Amino acid sequence: MSQRLGIPVSSLAKWVRQARIVRGELSGSGQGPLTSEERAELVQLRRENRELRREKDFFRLAAVHFAKEQLPPRGFA
């Protein structure tokens, strides 16, 4: 079938497997492969996580910068 369609066998197998997961023939939740909805949610959550980490790092660096401004100068005066 894949030769008639001009696609690799592995691609066709992945599509068939994903279709079976979506139809509920294979377990999509828990330990098995993800459904399309679960995969989309995972992508969104990873994107959100990345953004939150960037924000946290920004505020941490800003706090360090402002804390340094509050310290007395070092060395001999």
Protein backbone atom coordinates (compact mmCIF):
# COMPACT_ATOMS: atom_id res chain seq x y z
CA MET A 1 0.00 0.00 0.00
CA SER A 2 2.74 2.49 0.94
CA GLN A 3 4.51 1.89 -2.38
CA ARG A 4 1.33 2.73 -4.29
CA LEU A 5 1.02 5.94 -2.31
CA GLY A 6 4.72 6.72 -2.71
CA ILE A 7 5.41 7.04 1.03
CA PRO A 8 7.71 5.11 3.36
CA VAL A 9 6.23 2.12 5.18
CA SER A 10 7.24 3.64 8.52
CA SER A 11 5.18 6.78 7.87
CA LEU A 12 2.11 4.78 6.96
CA ALA A 13 2.54 2.62 10.07
CA LYS A 14 2.77 5.71 12.30
CA TRP A 15 -0.40 7.19 10.76
CA VAL A 16 -2.32 3.95 11.18
CA ARG A 17 -1.17 3.63 14.80
CA GLN A 18 -2.15 7.23 15.57
CA ALA A 19 -5.57 6.71 13.96
CA ARG A 20 -6.12 3.63 16.13
CA ILE A 21 -5.19 5.62 19.24
CA VAL A 22 -7.64 8.39 18.32
CA ARG A 23 -10.41 5.84 17.71
CA GLY A 24 -9.72 4.30 21.12
CA GLU A 25 -8.47 0.97 19.81
CA LEU A 26 -5.13 1.53 21.52
CA SER A 27 -4.53 3.11 24.91
CA GLY A 28 -3.79 6.80 24.51
CA SER A 29 -3.85 7.74 28.19
CA GLY A 30 -1.65 6.58 31.00
CA GLN A 31 1.34 4.68 29.76
CA GLY A 32 0.68 4.31 26.02
CA PRO A 33 1.04 6.70 23.09
CA LEU A 34 -0.69 10.08 23.16
CA THR A 35 -3.89 10.99 21.35
CA SER A 36 -3.82 14.01 19.04
CA GLU A 37 -5.51 16.10 21.72
CA GLU A 38 -3.05 14.98 24.40
CA ARG A 39 -0.12 15.72 22.09
CA ALA A 40 -1.47 19.22 21.34
CA GLU A 41 -1.93 19.86 25.06
CA LEU A 42 1.60 18.66 25.76
CA VAL A 43 3.01 21.03 23.12
CA GLN A 44 1.03 23.93 24.63
CA LEU A 45 2.14 23.11 28.18
CA ARG A 46 5.79 22.85 27.14
CA ARG A 47 5.54 26.23 25.40
CA GLU A 48 3.96 27.73 28.53
CA ASN A 49 6.62 26.15 30.73
CA ARG A 50 9.39 27.63 28.56
CA GLU A 51 7.84 31.10 28.79
CA LEU A 52 7.42 30.87 32.57
CA ARG A 53 11.06 29.80 32.97
CA ARG A 54 12.19 32.80 30.89
CA GLU A 55 10.11 35.14 33.02
CA LYS A 56 11.45 33.61 36.23
CA ASP A 57 15.05 33.98 35.01
CA PHE A 58 14.42 37.59 33.99
CA PHE A 59 13.01 38.52 37.40
CA ARG A 60 15.80 36.68 39.20
CA LEU A 61 18.43 38.61 37.22
CA ALA A 62 16.59 41.89 37.80
CA ALA A 63 16.47 41.21 41.55
CA VAL A 64 20.22 40.52 41.59
CA HIS A 65 20.88 43.73 39.68
CA PHE A 66 18.79 45.87 42.02
CA ALA A 67 20.23 44.18 45.10
CA LYS A 68 23.75 45.05 43.93
CA GLU A 69 22.75 48.71 43.64
CA GLN A 70 21.70 48.67 47.30
CA LEU A 71 25.04 47.32 48.58
CA PRO A 72 27.77 49.72 49.72
CA PRO A 73 30.79 49.94 47.37
CA ARG A 74 33.59 47.47 48.04
CA GLY A 75 37.24 48.20 48.57
CA PHE A 76 39.09 51.05 50.24
CA ALA A 77 37.52 54.44 50.15
